[in-house]
Amino acid sequence: MRYRLTFIAGVALGYVLGTRAGRERYEQLKKSARQFAQNPAVRNTCETAAQSGREFAGKAYHAVGEKVGDKVPASVTDRVRSLRGRGASGADDWGTTNT
């Protein structure tokens, strides 16, 4: 699914950059993209995907932590802890929340 969305975004970007239809068509495409991004179904799907990703990352973090244990150098351990603490604010860089 990720590759399909990337392909569609690439086609849309290529069309916008390569078209000779002018500013009017560009504004029309921009308006359509904004409406799509503000659609509640799209926003809910994005938030659900982000939440699932966070849950999966948390599970992977614990699984790797249990297997690796004390074999990781202290400098790496400190860096991972500082990164983990940074993400506990409740909202990510994309504006989604942990709801």
N, C-alpha and C. Protein backbone atom coordinates (compact mmCIF):
# COMPACT_ATOMS: atom_id res chain seq x y z
N MET A 1 0.82 -1.18 0.00
CA MET A 1 0.00 0.00 0.00
C MET A 1 0.87 1.25 0.00
N ARG A 2 1.97 1.21 0.75
CA ARG A 2 2.87 2.36 0.82
C ARG A 2 3.44 2.69 -0.55
N TYR A 3 3.78 1.67 -1.30
CA TYR A 3 4.36 1.90 -2.62
C TYR A 3 3.32 2.47 -3.58
N ARG A 4 2.08 2.04 -3.43
CA ARG A 4 1.02 2.57 -4.28
C ARG A 4 0.80 4.05 -4.00
N LEU A 5 0.77 4.42 -2.72
CA LEU A 5 0.60 5.83 -2.37
C LEU A 5 1.79 6.67 -2.83
N THR A 6 2.98 6.13 -2.71
CA THR A 6 4.17 6.83 -3.18
C THR A 6 4.10 7.03 -4.69
N PHE A 7 3.67 6.01 -5.41
CA PHE A 7 3.54 6.11 -6.85
C PHE A 7 2.52 7.17 -7.23
N ILE A 8 1.36 7.16 -6.57
CA ILE A 8 0.32 8.13 -6.87
C ILE A 8 0.80 9.55 -6.58
N ALA A 9 1.49 9.72 -5.45
CA ALA A 9 2.03 11.04 -5.12
C ALA A 9 3.06 11.49 -6.16
N GLY A 10 3.88 10.56 -6.63
CA GLY A 10 4.87 10.88 -7.66
C GLY A 10 4.22 11.27 -8.97
N VAL A 11 3.17 10.55 -9.35
CA VAL A 11 2.46 10.88 -10.59
C VAL A 11 1.82 12.27 -10.48
N ALA A 12 1.20 12.54 -9.34
CA ALA A 12 0.58 13.85 -9.15
C ALA A 12 1.62 14.97 -9.18
N LEU A 13 2.73 14.76 -8.51
CA LEU A 13 3.78 15.76 -8.51
C LEU A 13 4.36 15.96 -9.90
N GLY A 14 4.58 14.87 -10.62
CA GLY A 14 5.09 14.97 -11.99
C GLY A 14 4.12 15.71 -12.89
N TYR A 15 2.85 15.46 -12.70
CA TYR A 15 1.86 16.15 -13.53
C TYR A 15 1.86 17.65 -13.23
N VAL A 16 1.90 18.00 -11.94
CA VAL A 16 1.90 19.41 -11.57
C VAL A 16 3.13 20.11 -12.11
N LEU A 17 4.29 19.47 -11.97
CA LEU A 17 5.53 20.10 -12.43
C LEU A 17 5.67 20.10 -13.95
N GLY A 18 5.08 19.11 -14.60
CA GLY A 18 5.26 18.98 -16.03
C GLY A 18 4.15 19.56 -16.88
N THR A 19 3.08 19.96 -16.28
CA THR A 19 1.94 20.43 -17.06
C THR A 19 2.16 21.84 -17.60
N ARG A 20 1.49 22.11 -18.69
CA ARG A 20 1.52 23.45 -19.26
C ARG A 20 0.14 24.08 -19.19
N ALA A 21 -0.71 23.53 -18.31
CA ALA A 21 -2.08 24.01 -18.19
C ALA A 21 -2.15 25.36 -17.48
N GLY A 22 -1.12 25.71 -16.75
CA GLY A 22 -1.09 27.03 -16.12
C GLY A 22 -1.49 27.04 -14.66
N ARG A 23 -1.55 28.24 -14.15
CA ARG A 23 -1.79 28.47 -12.73
C ARG A 23 -3.19 28.00 -12.30
N GLU A 24 -4.16 28.16 -13.16
CA GLU A 24 -5.53 27.78 -12.80
C GLU A 24 -5.63 26.30 -12.49
N ARG A 25 -5.04 25.45 -13.32
CA ARG A 25 -5.06 24.01 -13.09
C ARG A 25 -4.27 23.66 -11.83
N TYR A 26 -3.15 24.35 -11.61
CA TYR A 26 -2.35 24.13 -10.40
C TYR A 26 -3.18 24.43 -9.15
N GLU A 27 -3.88 25.56 -9.15
CA GLU A 27 -4.71 25.92 -8.00
C GLU A 27 -5.83 24.91 -7.79
N GLN A 28 -6.40 24.40 -8.89
CA GLN A 28 -7.46 23.40 -8.80
C GLN A 28 -6.92 22.11 -8.15
N LEU A 29 -5.76 21.67 -8.57
CA LEU A 29 -5.15 20.47 -7.99
C LEU A 29 -4.80 20.69 -6.51
N LYS A 30 -4.30 21.87 -6.20
CA LYS A 30 -3.94 22.18 -4.82
C LYS A 30 -5.19 22.16 -3.93
N LYS A 31 -6.29 22.70 -4.41
CA LYS A 31 -7.53 22.71 -3.66
C LYS A 31 -8.03 21.27 -3.44
N SER A 32 -7.94 20.44 -4.48
CA SER A 32 -8.37 19.05 -4.37
C SER A 32 -7.52 18.29 -3.35
N ALA A 33 -6.22 18.52 -3.39
CA ALA A 33 -5.32 17.85 -2.44
C ALA A 33 -5.63 18.29 -1.01
N ARG A 34 -5.91 19.56 -0.81
CA ARG A 34 -6.23 20.07 0.52
C ARG A 34 -7.54 19.44 1.02
N GLN A 35 -8.55 19.36 0.14
CA GLN A 35 -9.82 18.75 0.54
C GLN A 35 -9.63 17.28 0.89
N PHE A 36 -8.81 16.59 0.12
CA PHE A 36 -8.53 15.19 0.40
C PHE A 36 -7.86 15.03 1.76
N ALA A 37 -6.87 15.87 2.04
CA ALA A 37 -6.14 15.78 3.31
C ALA A 37 -7.02 16.14 4.50
N GLN A 38 -8.02 16.97 4.30
CA GLN A 38 -8.89 17.38 5.41
C GLN A 38 -10.11 16.49 5.55
N ASN A 39 -10.25 15.49 4.71
CA ASN A 39 -11.36 14.56 4.79
C ASN A 39 -11.25 13.78 6.11
N PRO A 40 -12.33 13.73 6.90
CA PRO A 40 -12.27 13.03 8.19
C PRO A 40 -11.87 11.56 8.06
N ALA A 41 -12.33 10.89 7.02
CA ALA A 41 -11.96 9.48 6.84
C ALA A 41 -10.46 9.33 6.61
N VAL A 42 -9.89 10.22 5.82
CA VAL A 42 -8.44 10.18 5.55
C VAL A 42 -7.66 10.48 6.82
N ARG A 43 -8.11 11.50 7.55
CA ARG A 43 -7.41 11.86 8.79
C ARG A 43 -7.48 10.72 9.81
N ASN A 44 -8.65 10.08 9.94
CA ASN A 44 -8.77 8.97 10.88
C ASN A 44 -7.88 7.80 10.48
N THR A 45 -7.83 7.52 9.19
CA THR A 45 -6.97 6.44 8.71
C THR A 45 -5.51 6.74 9.00
N CYS A 46 -5.10 7.99 8.78
CA CYS A 46 -3.71 8.37 9.06
C CYS A 46 -3.39 8.27 10.55
N GLU A 47 -4.31 8.71 11.38
CA GLU A 47 -4.07 8.61 12.83
C GLU A 47 -4.03 7.16 13.29
N THR A 48 -4.90 6.32 12.72
CA THR A 48 -4.89 4.91 13.07
C THR A 48 -3.57 4.26 12.65
N ALA A 49 -3.11 4.58 11.45
CA ALA A 49 -1.83 4.04 10.98
C ALA A 49 -0.68 4.52 11.85
N ALA A 50 -0.70 5.78 12.24
CA ALA A 50 0.36 6.30 13.10
C ALA A 50 0.35 5.62 14.46
N GLN A 51 -0.84 5.42 15.01
CA GLN A 51 -0.95 4.75 16.31
C GLN A 51 -0.46 3.31 16.22
N SER A 52 -0.85 2.61 15.16
CA SER A 52 -0.39 1.23 14.97
C SER A 52 1.13 1.18 14.83
N GLY A 53 1.67 2.15 14.13
CA GLY A 53 3.13 2.21 13.99
C GLY A 53 3.83 2.44 15.32
N ARG A 54 3.26 3.32 16.14
CA ARG A 54 3.85 3.56 17.46
C ARG A 54 3.78 2.31 18.33
N GLU A 55 2.65 1.60 18.28
CA GLU A 55 2.51 0.38 19.07
C GLU A 55 3.50 -0.68 18.61
N PHE A 56 3.63 -0.84 17.29
CA PHE A 56 4.57 -1.82 16.75
C PHE A 56 6.00 -1.46 17.13
N ALA A 57 6.33 -0.18 17.04
CA ALA A 57 7.68 0.25 17.41
C ALA A 57 7.96 -0.01 18.88
N GLY A 58 6.97 0.21 19.73
CA GLY A 58 7.15 -0.05 21.16
C GLY A 58 7.38 -1.52 21.43
N LYS A 59 6.61 -2.39 20.76
CA LYS A 59 6.79 -3.83 20.92
C LYS A 59 8.16 -4.27 20.42
N ALA A 60 8.57 -3.73 19.27
CA ALA A 60 9.88 -4.08 18.71
C ALA A 60 11.00 -3.60 19.64
N TYR A 61 10.83 -2.41 20.21
CA TYR A 61 11.82 -1.87 21.14
C TYR A 61 12.03 -2.81 22.32
N HIS A 62 10.92 -3.28 22.90
CA HIS A 62 11.03 -4.17 24.05
C HIS A 62 11.60 -5.53 23.66
N ALA A 63 11.20 -6.05 22.49
CA ALA A 63 11.71 -7.36 22.06
C ALA A 63 13.21 -7.30 21.80
N VAL A 64 13.65 -6.24 21.15
CA VAL A 64 15.09 -6.10 20.88
C VAL A 64 15.84 -5.86 22.18
N GLY A 65 15.27 -5.06 23.05
CA GLY A 65 15.91 -4.79 24.34
C GLY A 65 16.12 -6.04 25.16
N GLU A 66 15.15 -6.94 25.15
CA GLU A 66 15.28 -8.19 25.90
C GLU A 66 16.35 -9.09 25.29
N LYS A 67 16.44 -9.13 23.97
CA LYS A 67 17.41 -10.02 23.32
C LYS A 67 18.83 -9.47 23.38
N VAL A 68 18.96 -8.16 23.26
CA VAL A 68 20.30 -7.57 23.24
C VAL A 68 20.84 -7.40 24.65
N GLY A 69 19.98 -6.96 25.54
CA GLY A 69 20.38 -6.83 26.95
C GLY A 69 21.49 -5.83 27.15
N ASP A 70 22.55 -6.25 27.84
CA ASP A 70 23.66 -5.37 28.19
C ASP A 70 24.78 -5.39 27.17
N LYS A 71 24.54 -5.92 25.99
CA LYS A 71 25.58 -6.02 24.97
C LYS A 71 25.78 -4.72 24.19
N VAL A 72 24.88 -3.76 24.38
CA VAL A 72 24.96 -2.50 23.66
C VAL A 72 25.83 -1.52 24.45
N PRO A 73 26.71 -0.77 23.78
CA PRO A 73 27.54 0.20 24.49
C PRO A 73 26.68 1.26 25.19
N ALA A 74 27.20 1.82 26.26
CA ALA A 74 26.46 2.81 27.06
C ALA A 74 26.09 4.04 26.24
N SER A 75 26.94 4.44 25.31
CA SER A 75 26.64 5.64 24.51
C SER A 75 25.39 5.44 23.66
N VAL A 76 25.21 4.24 23.11
CA VAL A 76 24.02 3.95 22.32
C VAL A 76 22.79 3.87 23.22
N THR A 77 22.93 3.25 24.36
CA THR A 77 21.81 3.13 25.30
C THR A 77 21.32 4.51 25.73
N ASP A 78 22.25 5.42 26.05
CA ASP A 78 21.86 6.77 26.46
C ASP A 78 21.15 7.51 25.34
N ARG A 79 21.61 7.33 24.12
CA ARG A 79 20.99 8.00 22.97
C ARG A 79 19.56 7.50 22.75
N VAL A 80 19.34 6.20 22.85
CA VAL A 80 18.01 5.63 22.68
C VAL A 80 17.07 6.13 23.77
N ARG A 81 17.55 6.20 24.99
CA ARG A 81 16.71 6.69 26.09
C ARG A 81 16.33 8.15 25.87
N SER A 82 17.27 8.97 25.39
CA SER A 82 16.95 10.38 25.16
C SER A 82 15.95 10.53 24.02
N LEU A 83 16.04 9.71 22.99
CA LEU A 83 15.07 9.76 21.90
C LEU A 83 13.69 9.29 22.36
N ARG A 84 13.65 8.29 23.18
CA ARG A 84 12.38 7.76 23.67
C ARG A 84 11.67 8.79 24.54
N GLY A 85 12.39 9.50 25.36
CA GLY A 85 11.80 10.52 26.21
C GLY A 85 11.28 11.71 25.42
N ARG A 86 11.88 11.99 24.29
CA ARG A 86 11.48 13.11 23.46
C ARG A 86 10.10 12.90 22.85
N GLY A 87 9.73 11.67 22.54
CA GLY A 87 8.48 11.38 21.88
C GLY A 87 7.29 11.23 22.82
N ALA A 88 7.42 11.51 24.08
CA ALA A 88 6.35 11.29 25.05
C ALA A 88 5.42 12.48 25.20
N SER A 89 5.46 13.44 24.28
CA SER A 89 4.68 14.67 24.43
C SER A 89 3.20 14.50 24.15
N GLY A 90 2.78 13.43 23.44
CA GLY A 90 1.37 13.24 23.15
C GLY A 90 1.02 13.58 21.71
N ALA A 91 1.86 14.34 21.02
CA ALA A 91 1.62 14.66 19.61
C ALA A 91 2.93 14.50 18.87
N ASP A 92 2.85 14.03 17.64
CA ASP A 92 4.06 13.87 16.87
C ASP A 92 4.26 15.05 15.93
N ASP A 93 5.29 15.00 15.10
CA ASP A 93 5.62 16.09 14.19
C ASP A 93 4.55 16.33 13.13
N TRP A 94 3.68 15.36 12.92
CA TRP A 94 2.66 15.47 11.87
C TRP A 94 1.36 16.05 12.41
N GLY A 95 1.28 16.33 13.68
CA GLY A 95 0.09 16.91 14.25
C GLY A 95 -0.95 15.92 14.70
N THR A 96 -0.61 14.63 14.63
CA THR A 96 -1.56 13.61 15.09
C THR A 96 -1.38 13.42 16.59
N THR A 97 -2.40 12.89 17.23
CA THR A 97 -2.35 12.70 18.67
C THR A 97 -2.38 11.23 19.01
N ASN A 98 -2.13 10.91 20.24
CA ASN A 98 -2.14 9.53 20.72
C ASN A 98 -3.53 9.15 21.23
N THR A 99 -4.55 9.40 20.44
CA THR A 99 -5.90 9.08 20.89
C THR A 99 -6.37 7.79 20.30
